[in-house]
């Protein structure tokens, strides 16, 4: 099943535009998007194939952490993660 996983890492300084662009490039392989310009966090949403939400979040955290490292971002801890299945998303929006 496909899962849309949103993640956020919180830190101690504002993120620059160029840093978030690098993160967006790094998460693109997982149909990802990134945000966080001017905030004390960086975030991404990834699409992950996994049998359940817990496994999807675990995989996404690994990918997100690796993408942040590739982008040269600080190794801040993941403060929040949320999963939504494609099926639930389609049901919500009909």
Protein backbone atom coordinates (compact mmCIF):
# COMPACT_ATOMS: atom_id res chain seq x y z
CA UNK A 1 0.00 0.00 0.00
CA UNK A 2 1.12 3.56 -0.68
CA UNK A 3 1.40 5.96 2.24
CA UNK A 4 1.90 9.70 2.30
CA UNK A 5 4.21 10.44 5.22
CA UNK A 6 4.72 13.98 6.52
CA UNK A 7 7.77 14.60 8.72
CA UNK A 8 9.31 17.54 10.53
CA UNK A 9 12.69 18.04 12.20
CA UNK A 10 12.99 20.92 14.69
CA UNK A 11 16.17 22.81 15.41
CA UNK A 12 17.76 25.99 16.67
CA UNK A 13 18.09 28.29 13.66
CA UNK A 14 16.08 29.51 10.70
CA UNK A 15 16.38 27.54 7.48
CA UNK A 16 17.56 29.30 4.33
CA UNK A 17 15.83 29.01 0.95
CA UNK A 18 18.79 27.21 -0.62
CA UNK A 19 18.77 24.57 2.13
CA UNK A 20 15.11 23.73 1.58
CA UNK A 21 15.65 23.60 -2.19
CA UNK A 22 18.43 21.06 -1.59
CA UNK A 23 16.09 19.03 0.64
CA UNK A 24 13.40 19.14 -2.06
CA UNK A 25 15.91 17.77 -4.57
CA UNK A 26 16.94 15.03 -2.13
CA UNK A 27 13.35 13.83 -1.44
CA UNK A 28 12.20 13.98 -5.06
CA UNK A 29 12.95 10.27 -5.51
CA UNK A 30 10.01 9.50 -3.19
CA UNK A 31 7.61 11.93 -4.91
CA UNK A 32 8.63 14.26 -2.11
CA UNK A 33 8.12 17.91 -1.38
CA UNK A 34 9.93 20.03 1.21
CA UNK A 35 9.16 23.12 3.26
CA UNK A 36 10.62 25.21 6.04
CA UNK A 37 12.10 28.39 4.55
CA UNK A 38 12.54 30.92 7.35
CA UNK A 39 11.40 28.54 10.10
CA UNK A 40 13.29 26.72 12.84
CA UNK A 41 12.45 23.39 11.24
CA UNK A 42 12.52 21.56 7.94
CA UNK A 43 9.76 19.30 6.70
CA UNK A 44 9.02 16.91 3.89
CA UNK A 45 6.23 14.74 2.61
CA UNK A 46 7.25 11.41 1.04
CA UNK A 47 5.30 8.65 -0.68
CA UNK A 48 6.29 5.25 0.72
CA UNK A 49 5.25 1.69 -0.19
CA UNK A 50 4.72 -0.39 2.96
CA UNK A 51 2.24 -2.92 4.36
CA UNK A 52 1.13 -0.63 7.21
CA UNK A 53 1.44 2.86 8.66
CA UNK A 54 4.06 2.02 11.29
CA UNK A 55 6.37 0.45 8.72
CA UNK A 56 5.78 3.37 6.35
CA UNK A 57 6.76 5.89 9.03
CA UNK A 58 9.89 3.91 9.92
CA UNK A 59 10.97 3.80 6.27
CA UNK A 60 10.14 7.48 5.77
CA UNK A 61 12.20 8.52 8.80
CA UNK A 62 15.22 6.68 7.36
CA UNK A 63 14.73 8.30 3.92
CA UNK A 64 14.08 11.75 5.42
CA UNK A 65 17.17 11.58 7.63
CA UNK A 66 19.32 10.43 4.71
CA UNK A 67 17.89 13.14 2.43
CA UNK A 68 18.63 15.80 5.05
CA UNK A 69 22.23 14.59 5.24
CA UNK A 70 22.56 14.64 1.44
CA UNK A 71 21.15 18.18 1.44
CA UNK A 72 23.74 19.21 4.04
CA UNK A 73 21.12 20.08 6.66
CA UNK A 74 21.72 19.92 10.41
CA UNK A 75 21.02 16.49 11.93
CA UNK A 76 18.02 17.65 13.94
CA UNK A 77 15.73 15.05 15.51
CA UNK A 78 12.44 14.16 13.85
CA UNK A 79 9.86 15.86 16.05
CA UNK A 80 6.71 14.83 14.21
CA UNK A 81 5.54 12.28 11.65
CA UNK A 82 2.10 11.46 10.29
CA UNK A 83 0.87 8.84 7.84
CA UNK A 84 -2.12 8.85 5.51
CA UNK A 85 -2.88 5.98 3.17
CA UNK A 86 -3.73 6.75 -0.45
CA UNK A 87 -7.05 4.97 0.11
CA UNK A 88 -7.97 7.21 3.07
CA UNK A 89 -6.99 10.31 1.14
CA UNK A 90 -9.18 9.33 -1.82
CA UNK A 91 -12.11 8.56 0.50
CA UNK A 92 -11.77 11.98 2.14
CA UNK A 93 -11.80 13.87 -1.15
CA UNK A 94 -14.25 11.57 -2.90
